[in-house]
Amino acid sequence: MADQILTTTDEVMDALGGTGAVAVLTGRTSPAASNWRGFDTFPANTYVVMTEALRALGKTAPDSLWGMKTAPEQERASA
């Protein structure tokens, strides 16, 4: 079964159990986590904990939701 791909901050937060659960997971306050629903990206320092939690649920989200940039295809091929 393929992973479910989530594409928005709202989808990620809902998949992880909602604002309160994401706040606990990331060590933030509920109001701070709630603000992320209106943002295009999450804070970069939440990337590892949130993507690991998603993976455990069989879900993924693009790295760009955390402001991560990937190397252009040429750079990856030569590495």
Protein backbone atom coordinates (compact mmCIF):
# COMPACT_ATOMS: atom_id res chain seq x y z
CA MET A 1 0.00 0.00 0.00
CA ALA A 2 1.40 3.40 -0.98
CA ASP A 3 1.88 6.13 1.57
CA GLN A 4 -0.80 8.75 1.76
CA ILE A 5 0.69 12.07 0.65
CA LEU A 6 -0.48 15.15 2.53
CA THR A 7 -0.02 18.51 0.84
CA THR A 8 -1.02 21.22 3.34
CA THR A 9 -0.24 22.16 6.91
CA ASP A 10 -3.90 21.53 7.78
CA GLU A 11 -3.78 17.98 6.38
CA VAL A 12 -0.57 17.22 8.27
CA MET A 13 -1.92 18.55 11.54
CA ASP A 14 -5.19 16.66 11.19
CA ALA A 15 -3.32 13.45 10.37
CA LEU A 16 -1.17 13.87 13.48
CA GLY A 17 -4.20 14.22 15.74
CA GLY A 18 -4.95 17.93 15.64
CA THR A 19 -3.49 21.08 17.10
CA GLY A 20 -3.12 19.83 20.67
CA ALA A 21 -1.36 16.64 19.63
CA VAL A 22 0.99 18.53 17.31
CA ALA A 23 1.78 21.01 20.09
CA VAL A 24 2.74 18.15 22.42
CA LEU A 25 4.70 16.36 19.69
CA THR A 26 6.73 19.47 18.86
CA GLY A 27 7.02 20.91 22.36
CA ARG A 28 5.12 24.06 21.43
CA THR A 29 2.09 25.72 22.95
CA SER A 30 -1.33 25.02 21.44
CA PRO A 31 -1.73 28.65 20.29
CA ALA A 32 1.65 28.51 18.50
CA ALA A 33 0.78 25.22 16.80
CA SER A 34 -2.65 26.56 15.91
CA ASN A 35 -1.02 29.41 13.98
CA TRP A 36 0.67 26.89 11.68
CA ARG A 37 -2.69 26.03 10.14
CA GLY A 38 -2.69 29.45 8.48
CA PHE A 39 0.91 29.21 7.28
CA ASP A 40 2.28 27.68 4.09
CA THR A 41 5.11 26.02 6.03
CA PHE A 42 5.92 24.66 9.47
CA PRO A 43 9.00 25.78 11.41
CA ALA A 44 12.01 23.94 9.98
CA ASN A 45 13.05 22.68 13.42
CA THR A 46 9.88 20.54 13.59
CA TYR A 47 10.72 18.63 10.40
CA VAL A 48 12.27 15.49 11.88
CA VAL A 49 9.75 14.87 14.65
CA MET A 50 6.75 15.54 12.42
CA THR A 51 7.92 13.56 9.40
CA GLU A 52 8.82 10.60 11.61
CA ALA A 53 5.36 10.72 13.19
CA LEU A 54 3.76 10.86 9.74
CA ARG A 55 5.88 7.95 8.54
CA ALA A 56 4.71 5.87 11.50
CA LEU A 57 1.14 6.48 10.29
CA GLY A 58 1.95 5.53 6.69
CA LYS A 59 1.72 9.13 5.53
CA THR A 60 4.17 11.55 3.96
CA ALA A 61 4.31 15.23 3.11
CA PRO A 62 6.60 17.19 0.83
CA ASP A 63 9.77 18.52 2.46
CA SER A 64 8.76 21.95 1.19
CA LEU A 65 6.05 22.10 3.89
CA TRP A 66 8.96 22.71 6.28
CA GLY A 67 10.75 25.10 3.95
CA MET A 68 13.26 22.42 2.97
CA LYS A 69 14.90 22.76 -0.40
CA THR A 70 16.23 19.81 -2.34
CA ALA A 71 19.27 19.86 -4.56
CA PRO A 72 18.60 20.19 -8.25
CA GLU A 73 18.56 16.86 -10.09
CA GLN A 74 22.01 17.52 -11.63
CA GLU A 75 23.66 18.02 -8.26
CA ARG A 76 22.14 14.81 -6.88
CA ALA A 77 23.27 12.79 -9.90
CA SER A 78 26.87 13.93 -9.54
CA ALA A 79 27.06 13.38 -5.77
